[in-house]
Amino acid sequence: MPQSQLAPKPAARKVQIGRADLIAAALKLLGPHRSVSTLSLREVARAAGIAPNSFYRHFRDTDELAIALIDEAGASLRKIIREARLRIAKGEGSVIRPSVESFMDQLEADKKLLHILMREGTVGSDAFKQAVEHELRHFEEELRVDLIRLSVANGDPIYRPELVARAITRLAFAIGGSAMDLPAEQRALIKEDLVEMVTMIMAGTQTLKRAEDGPA
């Protein structure tokens, strides 16, 4: 068949870009020492493979993207740590070590989810700090529910589980923030210290509960 009679090849279809793609592109741009507040609209659009004007179909501005990125980091990180705690239901040991290890391991993970939450909670704008605080409260509530569930299952009630969950969450994020830029061998030591600290908190809350309840 002559070349002129050949049917033209259809143009390649452009893959549609959504909010999740822009969040993923922004996430790849972040480094160990880079805040989400430094992201520009143009570089995020370029990383996602779209024209800058197309960015506005999904976000009003980079601040809205940054808050969505914080939300994504919090949700993904909670899922990872929740899965570690759920292993307890399968009889794989204490809830403390897998939770702490999963949390601290995120300092070396590719997505840098923990870095985002810790960095924006201290150096970000007021809006970013509020978004991080919102995520921390999610962590606290999920941990509170799990602590109650585990205390019932183990027959060892705890004193003020909501305060215990808050203490553990805030301690873990404070320790993680101080360990973020340290060498791996130092982080390993800090992880063991954190396991022991959380163990002490749990021992203390159980002791307080027994004292509150009095002699059996």
N, C-alpha and C. Protein backbone atom coordinates (compact mmCIF):
# COMPACT_ATOMS: atom_id res chain seq x y z
N MET A 1 0.86 -1.18 0.00
CA MET A 1 0.00 0.00 0.00
C MET A 1 0.89 1.24 0.00
N PRO A 2 0.61 2.23 -0.87
CA PRO A 2 1.42 3.44 -0.90
C PRO A 2 1.40 4.13 0.45
N GLN A 3 2.51 4.86 0.69
CA GLN A 3 2.64 5.55 1.97
C GLN A 3 1.52 6.54 2.18
N SER A 4 1.04 7.18 1.07
CA SER A 4 0.00 8.21 1.19
C SER A 4 -1.32 7.63 1.63
N GLN A 5 -1.52 6.30 1.43
CA GLN A 5 -2.78 5.68 1.79
C GLN A 5 -2.76 5.07 3.19
N LEU A 6 -1.60 5.11 3.83
CA LEU A 6 -1.52 4.56 5.17
C LEU A 6 -2.29 5.45 6.15
N ALA A 7 -3.05 4.83 7.05
CA ALA A 7 -3.79 5.61 8.05
C ALA A 7 -2.80 6.28 8.99
N PRO A 8 -3.02 7.55 9.31
CA PRO A 8 -2.10 8.25 10.21
C PRO A 8 -2.14 7.64 11.60
N LYS A 9 -1.00 7.64 12.22
CA LYS A 9 -0.94 7.11 13.58
C LYS A 9 -1.66 8.05 14.54
N PRO A 10 -2.44 7.52 15.45
CA PRO A 10 -3.13 8.40 16.40
C PRO A 10 -2.12 9.07 17.32
N ALA A 11 -2.42 10.33 17.68
CA ALA A 11 -1.54 11.05 18.58
C ALA A 11 -1.55 10.39 19.95
N ALA A 12 -0.40 10.37 20.58
CA ALA A 12 -0.31 9.76 21.90
C ALA A 12 -1.18 10.53 22.89
N ARG A 13 -1.97 9.82 23.63
CA ARG A 13 -2.84 10.45 24.61
C ARG A 13 -2.04 10.90 25.82
N LYS A 14 -2.32 12.10 26.26
CA LYS A 14 -1.64 12.61 27.45
C LYS A 14 -2.31 12.06 28.69
N VAL A 15 -1.52 11.52 29.56
CA VAL A 15 -2.07 10.98 30.80
C VAL A 15 -2.58 12.13 31.65
N GLN A 16 -3.78 11.99 32.16
CA GLN A 16 -4.36 13.04 32.99
C GLN A 16 -3.68 13.09 34.35
N ILE A 17 -3.36 14.28 34.77
CA ILE A 17 -2.68 14.49 36.05
C ILE A 17 -3.69 14.90 37.10
N GLY A 18 -3.63 14.26 38.26
CA GLY A 18 -4.55 14.59 39.34
C GLY A 18 -3.82 15.14 40.55
N ARG A 19 -4.56 15.39 41.63
CA ARG A 19 -3.97 15.92 42.86
C ARG A 19 -2.88 14.99 43.39
N ALA A 20 -3.14 13.68 43.35
CA ALA A 20 -2.17 12.72 43.88
C ALA A 20 -0.86 12.79 43.11
N ASP A 21 -0.92 13.04 41.79
CA ASP A 21 0.30 13.12 41.00
C ASP A 21 1.12 14.35 41.36
N LEU A 22 0.43 15.46 41.62
CA LEU A 22 1.13 16.67 42.02
C LEU A 22 1.76 16.51 43.41
N ILE A 23 1.05 15.85 44.30
CA ILE A 23 1.60 15.58 45.63
C ILE A 23 2.84 14.70 45.51
N ALA A 24 2.76 13.67 44.67
CA ALA A 24 3.90 12.77 44.48
C ALA A 24 5.09 13.51 43.88
N ALA A 25 4.82 14.41 42.93
CA ALA A 25 5.89 15.19 42.31
C ALA A 25 6.55 16.10 43.34
N ALA A 26 5.74 16.74 44.18
CA ALA A 26 6.27 17.62 45.22
C ALA A 26 7.11 16.82 46.21
N LEU A 27 6.64 15.64 46.53
CA LEU A 27 7.34 14.79 47.50
C LEU A 27 8.74 14.44 47.00
N LYS A 28 8.87 14.20 45.70
CA LYS A 28 10.17 13.85 45.13
C LYS A 28 11.15 15.03 45.17
N LEU A 29 10.61 16.24 45.19
CA LEU A 29 11.47 17.43 45.20
C LEU A 29 12.04 17.74 46.57
N LEU A 30 11.41 17.21 47.60
CA LEU A 30 11.84 17.52 48.96
C LEU A 30 13.07 16.71 49.33
N GLY A 31 14.01 17.35 49.98
CA GLY A 31 15.20 16.67 50.45
C GLY A 31 15.28 16.72 51.97
N PRO A 32 16.33 16.17 52.54
CA PRO A 32 16.46 16.12 54.00
C PRO A 32 16.40 17.50 54.66
N HIS A 33 16.83 18.54 53.92
CA HIS A 33 16.90 19.87 54.54
C HIS A 33 16.01 20.88 53.81
N ARG A 34 15.04 20.40 53.07
CA ARG A 34 14.20 21.32 52.30
C ARG A 34 12.77 21.31 52.81
N SER A 35 12.24 22.48 53.12
CA SER A 35 10.88 22.62 53.61
C SER A 35 9.91 22.69 52.45
N VAL A 36 8.68 22.28 52.69
CA VAL A 36 7.65 22.36 51.64
C VAL A 36 7.38 23.81 51.26
N SER A 37 7.68 24.74 52.16
CA SER A 37 7.42 26.16 51.87
C SER A 37 8.32 26.70 50.77
N THR A 38 9.40 25.97 50.45
CA THR A 38 10.33 26.44 49.41
C THR A 38 9.94 25.95 48.02
N LEU A 39 8.93 25.12 47.92
CA LEU A 39 8.52 24.60 46.61
C LEU A 39 7.88 25.71 45.78
N SER A 40 8.22 25.78 44.52
CA SER A 40 7.58 26.74 43.63
C SER A 40 6.57 26.03 42.73
N LEU A 41 5.58 26.77 42.31
CA LEU A 41 4.54 26.20 41.45
C LEU A 41 5.15 25.65 40.16
N ARG A 42 6.06 26.40 39.58
CA ARG A 42 6.63 25.98 38.29
C ARG A 42 7.43 24.69 38.40
N GLU A 43 8.22 24.55 39.46
CA GLU A 43 9.04 23.34 39.55
C GLU A 43 8.19 22.11 39.86
N VAL A 44 7.11 22.29 40.63
CA VAL A 44 6.21 21.17 40.89
C VAL A 44 5.50 20.76 39.60
N ALA A 45 5.02 21.77 38.85
CA ALA A 45 4.35 21.48 37.58
C ALA A 45 5.30 20.78 36.62
N ARG A 46 6.53 21.25 36.56
CA ARG A 46 7.53 20.63 35.68
C ARG A 46 7.81 19.19 36.09
N ALA A 47 7.92 18.95 37.40
CA ALA A 47 8.17 17.59 37.88
C ALA A 47 7.00 16.67 37.59
N ALA A 48 5.79 17.24 37.56
CA ALA A 48 4.60 16.43 37.28
C ALA A 48 4.33 16.28 35.79
N GLY A 49 5.05 17.06 34.98
CA GLY A 49 4.88 16.97 33.53
C GLY A 49 3.66 17.70 33.00
N ILE A 50 3.30 18.81 33.64
CA ILE A 50 2.16 19.60 33.19
C ILE A 50 2.56 21.06 33.05
N ALA A 51 1.71 21.83 32.36
CA ALA A 51 1.93 23.27 32.25
C ALA A 51 1.60 23.93 33.58
N PRO A 52 2.29 25.00 33.93
CA PRO A 52 2.02 25.66 35.22
C PRO A 52 0.56 26.02 35.43
N ASN A 53 -0.12 26.47 34.38
CA ASN A 53 -1.52 26.86 34.53
C ASN A 53 -2.41 25.69 34.92
N SER A 54 -2.01 24.46 34.55
CA SER A 54 -2.80 23.28 34.89
C SER A 54 -2.77 22.98 36.39
N PHE A 55 -1.77 23.53 37.06
CA PHE A 55 -1.65 23.35 38.50
C PHE A 55 -2.92 23.83 39.21
N TYR A 56 -3.47 24.94 38.71
CA TYR A 56 -4.61 25.57 39.39
C TYR A 56 -5.91 24.78 39.27
N ARG A 57 -5.91 23.77 38.46
CA ARG A 57 -7.10 22.90 38.39
C ARG A 57 -7.24 22.07 39.67
N HIS A 58 -6.14 21.94 40.40
CA HIS A 58 -6.13 21.06 41.57
C HIS A 58 -5.86 21.79 42.88
N PHE A 59 -5.06 22.86 42.83
CA PHE A 59 -4.73 23.59 44.05
C PHE A 59 -4.77 25.09 43.78
N ARG A 60 -5.20 25.86 44.79
CA ARG A 60 -5.25 27.32 44.65
C ARG A 60 -3.84 27.90 44.54
N ASP A 61 -2.92 27.34 45.33
CA ASP A 61 -1.55 27.83 45.36
C ASP A 61 -0.66 26.76 45.98
N THR A 62 0.62 27.08 46.11
CA THR A 62 1.56 26.09 46.66
C THR A 62 1.32 25.86 48.15
N ASP A 63 0.75 26.85 48.85
CA ASP A 63 0.44 26.64 50.27
C ASP A 63 -0.60 25.54 50.44
N GLU A 64 -1.63 25.55 49.57
CA GLU A 64 -2.64 24.50 49.65
C GLU A 64 -2.04 23.15 49.31
N LEU A 65 -1.14 23.12 48.34
CA LEU A 65 -0.43 21.87 48.01
C LEU A 65 0.39 21.40 49.21
N ALA A 66 1.07 22.33 49.89
CA ALA A 66 1.91 21.98 51.03
C ALA A 66 1.09 21.36 52.15
N ILE A 67 -0.09 21.92 52.42
CA ILE A 67 -0.94 21.38 53.47
C ILE A 67 -1.45 19.99 53.07
N ALA A 68 -1.77 19.81 51.79
CA ALA A 68 -2.18 18.49 51.31
C ALA A 68 -1.03 17.50 51.44
N LEU A 69 0.20 17.98 51.23
CA LEU A 69 1.38 17.13 51.36
C LEU A 69 1.59 16.71 52.82
N ILE A 70 1.37 17.64 53.75
CA ILE A 70 1.46 17.31 55.18
C ILE A 70 0.40 16.28 55.55
N ASP A 71 -0.82 16.48 55.05
CA ASP A 71 -1.90 15.52 55.32
C ASP A 71 -1.55 14.14 54.78
N GLU A 72 -0.99 14.11 53.57
CA GLU A 72 -0.61 12.84 52.95
C GLU A 72 0.49 12.15 53.75
N ALA A 73 1.46 12.94 54.20
CA ALA A 73 2.56 12.39 55.00
C ALA A 73 2.02 11.78 56.29
N GLY A 74 1.12 12.51 56.96
CA GLY A 74 0.56 12.02 58.21
C GLY A 74 -0.24 10.75 58.02
N ALA A 75 -1.10 10.72 56.99
CA ALA A 75 -1.94 9.55 56.75
C ALA A 75 -1.10 8.33 56.39
N SER A 76 -0.09 8.52 55.55
CA SER A 76 0.77 7.41 55.15
C SER A 76 1.58 6.88 56.32
N LEU A 77 2.10 7.81 57.13
CA LEU A 77 2.91 7.40 58.28
C LEU A 77 2.06 6.69 59.32
N ARG A 78 0.84 7.17 59.54
CA ARG A 78 -0.06 6.49 60.49
C ARG A 78 -0.37 5.08 60.02
N LYS A 79 -0.53 4.90 58.73
CA LYS A 79 -0.83 3.58 58.18
C LYS A 79 0.34 2.63 58.44
N ILE A 80 1.56 3.11 58.23
CA ILE A 80 2.74 2.27 58.44
C ILE A 80 2.84 1.83 59.89
N ILE A 81 2.67 2.78 60.81
CA ILE A 81 2.81 2.47 62.23
C ILE A 81 1.63 1.65 62.73
N ARG A 82 0.44 1.92 62.19
CA ARG A 82 -0.75 1.13 62.57
C ARG A 82 -0.55 -0.33 62.19
N GLU A 83 0.02 -0.58 61.02
CA GLU A 83 0.26 -1.96 60.59
C GLU A 83 1.25 -2.65 61.52
N ALA A 84 2.22 -1.89 62.02
CA ALA A 84 3.17 -2.47 62.97
C ALA A 84 2.47 -2.86 64.26
N ARG A 85 1.56 -2.00 64.73
CA ARG A 85 0.84 -2.32 65.97
C ARG A 85 -0.13 -3.47 65.77
N LEU A 86 -0.69 -3.58 64.57
CA LEU A 86 -1.65 -4.66 64.32
C LEU A 86 -0.98 -6.02 64.34
N ARG A 87 0.33 -6.06 64.16
CA ARG A 87 1.03 -7.35 64.24
C ARG A 87 0.93 -7.94 65.64
N ILE A 88 0.66 -7.06 66.61
CA ILE A 88 0.54 -7.53 67.99
C ILE A 88 -0.64 -8.49 68.10
N ALA A 89 -1.69 -8.23 67.33
CA ALA A 89 -2.86 -9.10 67.36
C ALA A 89 -2.53 -10.50 66.89
N LYS A 90 -1.42 -10.65 66.17
CA LYS A 90 -1.00 -11.95 65.67
C LYS A 90 0.04 -12.59 66.58
N GLY A 91 0.21 -12.00 67.74
CA GLY A 91 1.11 -12.60 68.73
C GLY A 91 2.56 -12.44 68.43
N GLU A 92 2.95 -11.28 67.84
CA GLU A 92 4.35 -11.09 67.47
C GLU A 92 5.11 -10.25 68.48
N GLY A 93 4.69 -10.19 69.71
CA GLY A 93 5.47 -9.51 70.73
C GLY A 93 4.84 -8.24 71.24
N SER A 94 5.66 -7.43 71.92
CA SER A 94 5.20 -6.20 72.55
C SER A 94 4.86 -5.14 71.50
N VAL A 95 3.89 -4.30 71.84
CA VAL A 95 3.50 -3.22 70.94
C VAL A 95 4.57 -2.14 70.88
N ILE A 96 5.41 -2.03 71.89
CA ILE A 96 6.32 -0.90 71.99
C ILE A 96 7.42 -0.95 70.93
N ARG A 97 8.15 -2.05 70.87
CA ARG A 97 9.28 -2.12 69.95
C ARG A 97 8.87 -2.00 68.47
N PRO A 98 7.89 -2.76 67.98
CA PRO A 98 7.55 -2.59 66.56
C PRO A 98 7.05 -1.19 66.23
N SER A 99 6.33 -0.56 67.16
CA SER A 99 5.85 0.80 66.91
C SER A 99 7.01 1.78 66.83
N VAL A 100 7.93 1.70 67.79
CA VAL A 100 9.07 2.60 67.80
C VAL A 100 9.98 2.35 66.60
N GLU A 101 10.22 1.09 66.28
CA GLU A 101 11.09 0.77 65.15
C GLU A 101 10.48 1.25 63.83
N SER A 102 9.18 1.06 63.67
CA SER A 102 8.52 1.51 62.44
C SER A 102 8.59 3.03 62.33
N PHE A 103 8.42 3.70 63.46
CA PHE A 103 8.49 5.16 63.48
C PHE A 103 9.90 5.64 63.12
N MET A 104 10.90 5.12 63.80
CA MET A 104 12.27 5.59 63.57
C MET A 104 12.80 5.16 62.20
N ASP A 105 12.34 4.03 61.70
CA ASP A 105 12.79 3.58 60.37
C ASP A 105 12.38 4.56 59.28
N GLN A 106 11.33 5.35 59.55
CA GLN A 106 10.87 6.31 58.55
C GLN A 106 11.86 7.46 58.35
N LEU A 107 12.81 7.61 59.27
CA LEU A 107 13.85 8.62 59.07
C LEU A 107 14.73 8.28 57.88
N GLU A 108 14.80 6.99 57.52
CA GLU A 108 15.63 6.55 56.41
C GLU A 108 14.80 6.15 55.19
N ALA A 109 13.48 6.26 55.29
CA ALA A 109 12.62 5.84 54.17
C ALA A 109 12.72 6.83 53.01
N ASP A 110 12.46 6.34 51.82
CA ASP A 110 12.60 7.15 50.61
C ASP A 110 11.64 8.34 50.59
N LYS A 111 10.43 8.16 51.09
CA LYS A 111 9.43 9.22 50.96
C LYS A 111 9.61 10.37 51.94
N LYS A 112 10.42 10.19 52.98
CA LYS A 112 10.70 11.26 53.94
C LYS A 112 9.43 11.80 54.59
N LEU A 113 8.46 10.92 54.85
CA LEU A 113 7.20 11.36 55.44
C LEU A 113 7.42 11.95 56.83
N LEU A 114 8.24 11.29 57.61
CA LEU A 114 8.49 11.76 58.97
C LEU A 114 9.24 13.09 58.96
N HIS A 115 10.16 13.25 58.03
CA HIS A 115 10.90 14.50 57.91
C HIS A 115 9.94 15.67 57.68
N ILE A 116 8.95 15.46 56.82
CA ILE A 116 8.01 16.53 56.50
C ILE A 116 7.26 16.97 57.75
N LEU A 117 6.73 16.01 58.50
CA LEU A 117 5.95 16.36 59.68
C LEU A 117 6.80 17.05 60.74
N MET A 118 7.99 16.54 60.97
CA MET A 118 8.83 17.13 62.01
C MET A 118 9.35 18.50 61.61
N ARG A 119 9.70 18.67 60.34
CA ARG A 119 10.25 19.95 59.90
C ARG A 119 9.17 21.03 59.88
N GLU A 120 8.02 20.71 59.29
CA GLU A 120 6.98 21.73 59.16
C GLU A 120 6.33 22.06 60.50
N GLY A 121 6.46 21.16 61.47
CA GLY A 121 5.91 21.43 62.79
C GLY A 121 6.74 22.42 63.58
N THR A 122 7.97 22.69 63.09
CA THR A 122 8.85 23.60 63.82
C THR A 122 9.25 24.83 63.02
N VAL A 123 9.42 24.69 61.70
CA VAL A 123 9.91 25.83 60.91
C VAL A 123 8.91 26.30 59.87
N GLY A 124 7.79 25.63 59.72
CA GLY A 124 6.82 26.01 58.71
C GLY A 124 6.00 27.22 59.12
N SER A 125 5.10 27.64 58.25
CA SER A 125 4.20 28.75 58.54
C SER A 125 3.19 28.32 59.60
N ASP A 126 2.41 29.27 60.10
CA ASP A 126 1.38 28.95 61.09
C ASP A 126 0.39 27.94 60.53
N ALA A 127 0.03 28.09 59.25
CA ALA A 127 -0.91 27.15 58.63
C ALA A 127 -0.31 25.75 58.57
N PHE A 128 0.99 25.67 58.25
CA PHE A 128 1.63 24.36 58.18
C PHE A 128 1.73 23.73 59.57
N LYS A 129 2.07 24.57 60.57
CA LYS A 129 2.16 24.06 61.94
C LYS A 129 0.82 23.53 62.42
N GLN A 130 -0.26 24.23 62.05
CA GLN A 130 -1.59 23.76 62.43
C GLN A 130 -1.92 22.43 61.75
N ALA A 131 -1.50 22.30 60.49
CA ALA A 131 -1.74 21.05 59.77
C ALA A 131 -0.97 19.89 60.42
N VAL A 132 0.26 20.16 60.84
CA VAL A 132 1.05 19.13 61.52
C VAL A 132 0.42 18.78 62.86
N GLU A 133 -0.02 19.79 63.59
CA GLU A 133 -0.68 19.55 64.88
C GLU A 133 -1.92 18.69 64.69
N HIS A 134 -2.66 18.94 63.63
CA HIS A 134 -3.85 18.14 63.31
C HIS A 134 -3.46 16.67 63.11
N GLU A 135 -2.35 16.44 62.41
CA GLU A 135 -1.90 15.07 62.18
C GLU A 135 -1.43 14.41 63.47
N LEU A 136 -0.75 15.17 64.32
CA LEU A 136 -0.30 14.61 65.59
C LEU A 136 -1.48 14.17 66.45
N ARG A 137 -2.56 14.94 66.41
CA ARG A 137 -3.74 14.56 67.19
C ARG A 137 -4.36 13.27 66.65
N HIS A 138 -4.27 13.08 65.34
CA HIS A 138 -4.72 11.79 64.76
C HIS A 138 -3.87 10.65 65.32
N PHE A 139 -2.56 10.86 65.36
CA PHE A 139 -1.67 9.84 65.92
C PHE A 139 -2.06 9.52 67.35
N GLU A 140 -2.29 10.56 68.13
CA GLU A 140 -2.63 10.38 69.54
C GLU A 140 -3.93 9.60 69.71
N GLU A 141 -4.93 9.94 68.91
CA GLU A 141 -6.23 9.27 69.04
C GLU A 141 -6.13 7.80 68.65
N GLU A 142 -5.42 7.51 67.56
CA GLU A 142 -5.28 6.11 67.15
C GLU A 142 -4.50 5.32 68.19
N LEU A 143 -3.47 5.93 68.77
CA LEU A 143 -2.69 5.25 69.79
C LEU A 143 -3.52 5.05 71.05
N ARG A 144 -4.33 6.04 71.42
CA ARG A 144 -5.20 5.91 72.60
C ARG A 144 -6.12 4.71 72.45
N VAL A 145 -6.74 4.58 71.28
CA VAL A 145 -7.66 3.46 71.03
C VAL A 145 -6.92 2.14 71.13
N ASP A 146 -5.72 2.07 70.55
CA ASP A 146 -4.95 0.82 70.59
C ASP A 146 -4.48 0.49 72.00
N LEU A 147 -4.11 1.52 72.76
CA LEU A 147 -3.66 1.27 74.13
C LEU A 147 -4.79 0.68 74.98
N ILE A 148 -5.98 1.22 74.80
CA ILE A 148 -7.13 0.69 75.54
C ILE A 148 -7.42 -0.74 75.11
N ARG A 149 -7.39 -0.98 73.80
CA ARG A 149 -7.65 -2.33 73.29
C ARG A 149 -6.65 -3.34 73.85
N LEU A 150 -5.38 -2.96 73.84
CA LEU A 150 -4.35 -3.87 74.31
C LEU A 150 -4.40 -4.06 75.82
N SER A 151 -4.75 -3.01 76.54
CA SER A 151 -4.82 -3.15 78.00
C SER A 151 -5.96 -4.08 78.40
N VAL A 152 -7.06 -4.02 77.66
CA VAL A 152 -8.18 -4.94 77.92
C VAL A 152 -7.77 -6.36 77.58
N ALA A 153 -7.11 -6.52 76.43
CA ALA A 153 -6.70 -7.86 75.99
C ALA A 153 -5.70 -8.48 76.96
N ASN A 154 -4.83 -7.65 77.53
CA ASN A 154 -3.80 -8.15 78.44
C ASN A 154 -4.25 -8.18 79.89
N GLY A 155 -5.43 -7.62 80.17
CA GLY A 155 -5.92 -7.58 81.54
C GLY A 155 -5.08 -6.69 82.44
N ASP A 156 -4.48 -5.65 81.86
CA ASP A 156 -3.62 -4.75 82.64
C ASP A 156 -4.00 -3.31 82.31
N PRO A 157 -5.05 -2.77 82.96
CA PRO A 157 -5.54 -1.42 82.65
C PRO A 157 -4.47 -0.35 82.84
N ILE A 158 -4.63 0.78 82.14
CA ILE A 158 -3.68 1.88 82.24
C ILE A 158 -4.38 3.14 82.71
N TYR A 159 -3.59 4.03 83.29
CA TYR A 159 -4.11 5.27 83.85
C TYR A 159 -4.11 6.35 82.77
N ARG A 160 -5.25 6.98 82.56
CA ARG A 160 -5.43 8.08 81.62
C ARG A 160 -4.78 7.79 80.26
N PRO A 161 -5.35 6.86 79.51
CA PRO A 161 -4.76 6.47 78.22
C PRO A 161 -4.61 7.62 77.23
N GLU A 162 -5.50 8.63 77.32
CA GLU A 162 -5.38 9.75 76.38
C GLU A 162 -4.10 10.55 76.65
N LEU A 163 -3.73 10.66 77.95
CA LEU A 163 -2.51 11.39 78.29
C LEU A 163 -1.28 10.55 77.97
N VAL A 164 -1.39 9.25 78.15
CA VAL A 164 -0.29 8.35 77.79
C VAL A 164 -0.01 8.43 76.29
N ALA A 165 -1.07 8.41 75.49
CA ALA A 165 -0.92 8.49 74.04
C ALA A 165 -0.27 9.81 73.63
N ARG A 166 -0.67 10.87 74.31
CA ARG A 166 -0.08 12.18 74.00
C ARG A 166 1.40 12.21 74.38
N ALA A 167 1.74 11.68 75.55
CA ALA A 167 3.13 11.67 76.00
C ALA A 167 4.02 10.88 75.04
N ILE A 168 3.55 9.71 74.63
CA ILE A 168 4.35 8.86 73.74
C ILE A 168 4.52 9.52 72.38
N THR A 169 3.43 10.07 71.84
CA THR A 169 3.49 10.71 70.51
C THR A 169 4.44 11.89 70.51
N ARG A 170 4.29 12.76 71.51
CA ARG A 170 5.13 13.96 71.54
C ARG A 170 6.59 13.61 71.81
N LEU A 171 6.82 12.62 72.66
CA LEU A 171 8.18 12.17 72.92
C LEU A 171 8.82 11.63 71.65
N ALA A 172 8.08 10.78 70.94
CA ALA A 172 8.63 10.16 69.72
C ALA A 172 8.98 11.21 68.68
N PHE A 173 8.12 12.20 68.49
CA PHE A 173 8.41 13.23 67.50
C PHE A 173 9.56 14.12 67.93
N ALA A 174 9.67 14.41 69.22
CA ALA A 174 10.80 15.22 69.71
C ALA A 174 12.11 14.47 69.52
N ILE A 175 12.11 13.19 69.89
CA ILE A 175 13.32 12.38 69.73
C ILE A 175 13.66 12.22 68.25
N GLY A 176 12.65 11.96 67.44
CA GLY A 176 12.89 11.81 66.00
C GLY A 176 13.46 13.07 65.39
N GLY A 177 12.96 14.22 65.82
CA GLY A 177 13.47 15.48 65.29
C GLY A 177 14.94 15.68 65.61
N SER A 178 15.35 15.29 66.82
CA SER A 178 16.75 15.44 67.20
C SER A 178 17.65 14.42 66.50
N ALA A 179 17.08 13.31 66.05
CA ALA A 179 17.86 12.25 65.42
C ALA A 179 17.89 12.35 63.90
N MET A 180 17.08 13.26 63.35
CA MET A 180 16.86 13.31 61.91
C MET A 180 18.15 13.42 61.10
N ASP A 181 19.09 14.23 61.55
CA ASP A 181 20.30 14.48 60.76
C ASP A 181 21.53 13.74 61.28
N LEU A 182 21.31 12.81 62.20
CA LEU A 182 22.44 12.08 62.78
C LEU A 182 22.80 10.86 61.92
N PRO A 183 24.03 10.36 62.05
CA PRO A 183 24.41 9.13 61.33
C PRO A 183 23.56 7.95 61.77
N ALA A 184 23.49 6.93 60.92
CA ALA A 184 22.63 5.77 61.17
C ALA A 184 22.98 5.06 62.47
N GLU A 185 24.28 4.97 62.79
CA GLU A 185 24.64 4.24 64.01
C GLU A 185 24.17 4.99 65.26
N GLN A 186 24.17 6.31 65.21
CA GLN A 186 23.68 7.07 66.35
C GLN A 186 22.16 6.97 66.46
N ARG A 187 21.50 6.95 65.31
CA ARG A 187 20.04 6.79 65.33
C ARG A 187 19.65 5.45 65.91
N ALA A 188 20.45 4.42 65.66
CA ALA A 188 20.16 3.09 66.21
C ALA A 188 20.20 3.12 67.74
N LEU A 189 21.16 3.84 68.28
CA LEU A 189 21.24 3.96 69.74
C LEU A 189 20.06 4.75 70.30
N ILE A 190 19.70 5.82 69.60
CA ILE A 190 18.57 6.63 70.04
C ILE A 190 17.27 5.82 69.98
N LYS A 191 17.16 4.96 68.98
CA LYS A 191 15.97 4.12 68.88
C LYS A 191 15.84 3.21 70.09
N GLU A 192 16.94 2.65 70.53
CA GLU A 192 16.90 1.80 71.72
C GLU A 192 16.53 2.61 72.96
N ASP A 193 17.06 3.83 73.05
CA ASP A 193 16.68 4.70 74.17
C ASP A 193 15.19 5.00 74.15
N LEU A 194 14.65 5.24 72.96
CA LEU A 194 13.22 5.56 72.85
C LEU A 194 12.36 4.36 73.24
N VAL A 195 12.78 3.17 72.86
CA VAL A 195 12.06 1.96 73.27
C VAL A 195 12.00 1.88 74.79
N GLU A 196 13.15 2.16 75.44
CA GLU A 196 13.19 2.10 76.90
C GLU A 196 12.35 3.20 77.54
N MET A 197 12.37 4.39 76.96
CA MET A 197 11.56 5.49 77.49
C MET A 197 10.07 5.17 77.44
N VAL A 198 9.62 4.64 76.30
CA VAL A 198 8.21 4.30 76.15
C VAL A 198 7.84 3.17 77.10
N THR A 199 8.76 2.22 77.26
CA THR A 199 8.53 1.12 78.22
C THR A 199 8.34 1.67 79.62
N MET A 200 9.13 2.67 79.99
CA MET A 200 9.02 3.28 81.31
C MET A 200 7.68 4.02 81.46
N ILE A 201 7.25 4.70 80.40
CA ILE A 201 5.95 5.38 80.44
C ILE A 201 4.83 4.37 80.68
N MET A 202 4.90 3.25 79.95
CA MET A 202 3.86 2.23 80.09
C MET A 202 3.88 1.61 81.49
N ALA A 203 5.07 1.36 82.01
CA ALA A 203 5.16 0.79 83.37
C ALA A 203 4.59 1.77 84.38
N GLY A 204 4.87 3.05 84.17
CA GLY A 204 4.37 4.06 85.09
C GLY A 204 2.86 4.18 85.07
N THR A 205 2.27 4.17 83.87
CA THR A 205 0.82 4.33 83.79
C THR A 205 0.09 3.11 84.37
N GLN A 206 0.68 1.94 84.19
CA GLN A 206 0.07 0.73 84.78
C GLN A 206 0.16 0.76 86.30
N THR A 207 1.29 1.26 86.82
CA THR A 207 1.45 1.38 88.27
C THR A 207 0.47 2.39 88.85
N LEU A 208 0.31 3.52 88.17
CA LEU A 208 -0.64 4.54 88.63
C LEU A 208 -2.07 4.01 88.63
N LYS A 209 -2.41 3.22 87.63
CA LYS A 209 -3.76 2.67 87.57
C LYS A 209 -4.00 1.71 88.70
N ARG A 210 -3.03 0.86 89.00
CA ARG A 210 -3.18 -0.08 90.11
C ARG A 210 -3.31 0.66 91.44
N ALA A 211 -2.56 1.75 91.61
CA ALA A 211 -2.65 2.54 92.84
C ALA A 211 -4.01 3.21 92.95
N GLU A 212 -4.54 3.67 91.82
CA GLU A 212 -5.86 4.31 91.82
C GLU A 212 -6.95 3.31 92.19
N ASP A 213 -6.84 2.10 91.67
CA ASP A 213 -7.86 1.08 91.93
C ASP A 213 -7.77 0.53 93.34
N GLY A 214 -6.59 0.62 93.96
CA GLY A 214 -6.44 0.12 95.32
C GLY A 214 -6.32 -1.39 95.37
N PRO A 215 -6.26 -1.94 96.59
CA PRO A 215 -6.14 -3.40 96.72
C PRO A 215 -7.33 -4.12 96.10
N ALA A 216 -7.06 -5.25 95.49
CA ALA A 216 -8.14 -6.03 94.87
C ALA A 216 -9.08 -6.57 95.95
